[in-house]
Structure formats: C-alpha cells, structure tokens
Protein backbone atom coordinates (compact mmCIF):
# COMPACT_ATOMS: atom_id res chain seq x y z
CA ALA A 1 -21.91 -35.85 -1.26
CA PRO A 2 -19.34 -33.31 -0.13
CA LEU A 3 -15.90 -33.67 -1.65
CA PRO A 4 -13.56 -35.56 0.65
CA LEU A 5 -10.88 -33.00 1.51
CA SER A 6 -8.33 -35.83 1.77
CA VAL A 7 -7.98 -36.12 -2.04
CA LEU A 8 -7.36 -32.44 -2.75
CA PRO A 9 -3.75 -32.30 -1.48
CA GLN A 10 -2.66 -35.21 -3.66
CA VAL A 11 -4.44 -33.88 -6.77
CA LEU A 12 -2.99 -30.41 -6.20
CA GLN A 13 0.46 -31.87 -5.53
CA SER A 14 0.26 -33.82 -8.77
CA ARG A 15 -0.25 -30.44 -10.53
CA GLY A 16 2.82 -28.88 -8.89
CA TYR A 17 1.21 -27.06 -5.95
CA CYS A 18 2.74 -27.43 -2.48
CA LYS A 19 0.20 -25.62 -0.27
CA LEU A 20 -3.59 -25.37 0.17
CA VAL A 21 -5.09 -22.64 2.30
CA LEU A 22 -8.80 -23.07 3.09
CA GLN A 23 -11.27 -20.59 4.35
CA ILE A 24 -13.87 -22.82 6.01
CA GLY A 25 -16.21 -20.23 7.53
CA ARG A 26 -18.79 -21.78 9.78
CA GLY A 27 -18.35 -25.23 8.16
CA ALA A 28 -18.89 -28.20 10.43
CA GLN A 29 -16.02 -30.06 8.90
CA GLU A 30 -12.65 -28.89 10.10
CA PRO A 31 -9.77 -30.46 8.18
CA ALA A 32 -6.90 -31.72 10.23
CA PRO A 33 -3.84 -29.58 9.48
CA LEU A 34 -1.55 -31.54 7.23
CA SER A 35 2.12 -30.95 6.90
CA THR A 36 4.44 -33.16 4.96
CA PRO A 37 7.78 -32.15 3.44
CA ALA A 38 6.03 -31.85 0.09
CA PHE A 39 2.63 -30.33 1.04
CA VAL A 40 1.08 -28.05 3.61
CA LEU A 41 -2.65 -27.73 4.35
CA GLU A 42 -3.82 -24.74 6.45
CA ALA A 43 -7.37 -23.74 7.33
CA PHE A 44 -8.95 -20.71 8.94
CA ARG A 45 -12.56 -19.66 9.61
CA PHE A 46 -12.61 -15.93 8.81
CA LYS A 47 -10.27 -13.00 8.20
CA ASP A 48 -10.97 -9.30 7.79
CA SER A 49 -9.34 -9.36 4.40
CA LEU A 50 -8.25 -12.05 1.94
CA ALA A 51 -6.11 -9.59 0.00
CA GLU A 52 -2.79 -10.98 1.29
CA ASP A 53 -3.85 -14.61 0.65
CA LEU A 54 -4.93 -13.65 -2.89
CA GLN A 55 -1.60 -11.93 -3.60
CA ARG A 56 0.29 -15.09 -2.52
CA ALA A 57 -1.97 -17.50 -4.38
CA ASP A 58 -1.07 -19.24 -7.61
CA LEU A 59 -4.62 -20.54 -8.02
CA VAL A 60 -7.90 -19.59 -6.33
CA ILE A 61 -10.81 -21.98 -5.94
CA SER A 62 -13.94 -20.07 -4.87
CA HIS A 63 -17.69 -20.03 -4.73
CA ALA A 64 -19.30 -17.83 -7.33
CA GLY A 65 -20.03 -14.84 -5.13
CA ALA A 66 -19.64 -11.71 -7.27
CA GLY A 67 -17.31 -10.06 -4.72
CA SER A 68 -15.06 -13.08 -4.46
CA CYS A 69 -14.83 -13.46 -8.26
CA LEU A 70 -14.16 -9.75 -8.81
CA GLU A 71 -11.48 -9.55 -6.11
CA THR A 72 -9.69 -12.62 -7.44
CA LEU A 73 -9.87 -11.55 -11.08
CA GLU A 74 -8.72 -7.99 -10.32
CA GLU A 75 -5.71 -9.54 -8.55
CA GLY A 76 -4.97 -11.32 -11.86
CA LYS A 77 -5.15 -14.80 -10.37
CA PRO A 78 -6.40 -17.93 -12.16
CA LEU A 79 -9.83 -18.81 -10.75
CA ILE A 80 -11.88 -21.98 -10.57
CA VAL A 81 -15.43 -21.27 -9.57
CA VAL A 82 -17.25 -24.07 -7.76
CA ILE A 83 -21.03 -23.83 -8.19
CA ASN A 84 -23.45 -24.60 -5.38
CA GLU A 85 -26.28 -26.29 -7.25
CA LYS A 86 -28.56 -26.19 -4.20
CA LEU A 87 -29.05 -22.43 -4.38
CA MET A 88 -32.38 -21.25 -5.70
CA ASN A 89 -32.47 -18.59 -8.48
CA ASN A 90 -28.89 -19.52 -9.12
CA HIS A 91 -27.28 -16.19 -10.04
CA GLN A 92 -23.92 -17.75 -9.10
CA LEU A 93 -24.26 -20.29 -11.91
CA GLU A 94 -25.17 -17.55 -14.37
CA LEU A 95 -22.19 -15.45 -13.29
CA ALA A 96 -19.81 -18.42 -13.48
CA LYS A 97 -21.08 -19.38 -16.94
CA GLN A 98 -20.70 -15.83 -18.25
CA LEU A 99 -17.17 -15.44 -16.85
CA HIS A 100 -16.30 -18.87 -18.35
CA ARG A 101 -17.84 -17.94 -21.79
CA ASP A 102 -15.68 -14.83 -21.77
CA GLY A 103 -12.61 -16.91 -21.01
CA HIS A 104 -11.84 -15.56 -17.51
CA VAL A 105 -12.52 -18.58 -15.29
CA LEU A 106 -12.96 -22.32 -15.19
CA TYR A 107 -16.03 -23.59 -13.39
CA CYS A 108 -17.32 -26.89 -12.00
CA ASN A 109 -19.39 -28.26 -9.18
CA CYS A 110 -18.21 -30.11 -6.07
CA SER A 111 -18.37 -33.49 -7.74
CA THR A 112 -16.28 -32.38 -10.76
CA LEU A 113 -13.65 -30.31 -8.91
CA VAL A 114 -11.02 -33.06 -8.84
CA GLU A 115 -11.50 -33.77 -12.56
CA THR A 116 -11.27 -30.02 -13.29
CA LEU A 117 -8.04 -29.70 -11.32
CA GLN A 118 -6.54 -32.71 -13.13
CA SER A 119 -7.43 -31.49 -16.59
CA MET A 120 -7.16 -27.66 -16.21
CA ASP A 121 -5.07 -25.64 -18.58
CA LEU A 122 -4.70 -22.24 -16.92
CA SER A 123 -2.84 -20.80 -19.94
CA THR A 124 -6.21 -20.65 -21.74
CA LEU A 125 -7.62 -18.09 -19.25
CA LYS A 126 -7.81 -14.45 -20.37
CA PRO A 127 -7.00 -11.64 -17.96
CA PHE A 128 -10.00 -9.72 -16.67
CA PRO A 129 -9.85 -5.99 -17.54
CA PRO A 130 -8.66 -4.36 -14.32
CA GLY A 131 -10.04 -1.54 -12.27
CA GLN A 132 -13.49 -1.16 -13.81
CA PRO A 133 -16.06 -2.12 -11.22
CA GLU A 134 -18.80 -0.42 -13.22
CA LYS A 135 -18.05 -2.75 -16.14
CA PHE A 136 -18.27 -5.68 -13.73
CA ALA A 137 -21.62 -4.40 -12.53
CA LEU A 138 -22.93 -4.24 -16.11
CA PHE A 139 -21.42 -7.69 -16.75
CA LEU A 140 -23.19 -9.00 -13.61
CA ASP A 141 -26.52 -7.56 -14.83
CA LYS A 142 -26.01 -9.27 -18.18
CA ALA A 143 -25.07 -12.54 -16.51
CA VAL A 144 -28.17 -12.65 -14.30
CA GLY A 145 -30.47 -11.34 -16.98
CA PHE A 146 -31.23 -7.73 -15.99
CA LYS A 147 -30.29 -6.34 -19.39
C-alpha cells in the first residue's frame, strides 16, 4: 500500500524538519498543501532543474535513479533512497545497496520509510567523492553487475 502522506510531516517534524517539498510527477495523488506555524508542505509536478531545491535541502528522499542519486550526492546532501520493489531487473536496488554498503546513503522501501526517518543517524553517512562522473559510471557498472 502506498505510504499515507499524512504521516510524513509529523515524522519529519519530530526529527527537527519544518518543510517538505515533494516532486509528484504524474502521480494521481496530489497532497493538499499544508501550512501550519511549525510545518510547510509544498508539492510540484515537474521543474527543469532541481538544483536549487537540492541546494536548499537538509535531507533528500529519492527513488534510486542513478541521475537523482549522483546529483544529490555531488551536492553533498544526506540521501535516503526509496526502492521500488515492483521494478523488474531491479538495478535501482543494486545501486542503492552498493551506495549503502559504501556508506553514502540510507535506503528503504515505501513501507519502511517512516521507520527509517525515525531511526536515521545521518552523521554515519560518508561524503561521496565529488566531481568524478566516470568513477560513478564504474561504480554503477559494479553495482548492476557489468564488471
């Protein structure tokens, strides 16, 4: 079952966050904007670039697309990767596992996201070596079993 969005604000707030910005793409579910004195929820479908949002973020929760992971890690932001277990030939899972093994990300699935947010210790994450896309390409090959 999809995660009820209603619980995310309270879980994030309990961890000291005061804003959640969602990219919802073509999703059928559109969250109602939420604004309380203590917490703001914003949603948008698409933007040309997420660079500005990434720069402002204190935490990024993303699918395990290689581009999304690389962009977030190069920005030096803590990353929780949420695996879509319905994908066939799940390269995303392999990538997330490898990034996690190397200490760069936390990962979970939709049903364990709340638990992950409640128990996460972002201080354990190691920075990803910046500015070396060719290393990331080799890393990706290793993660999905090409090498």
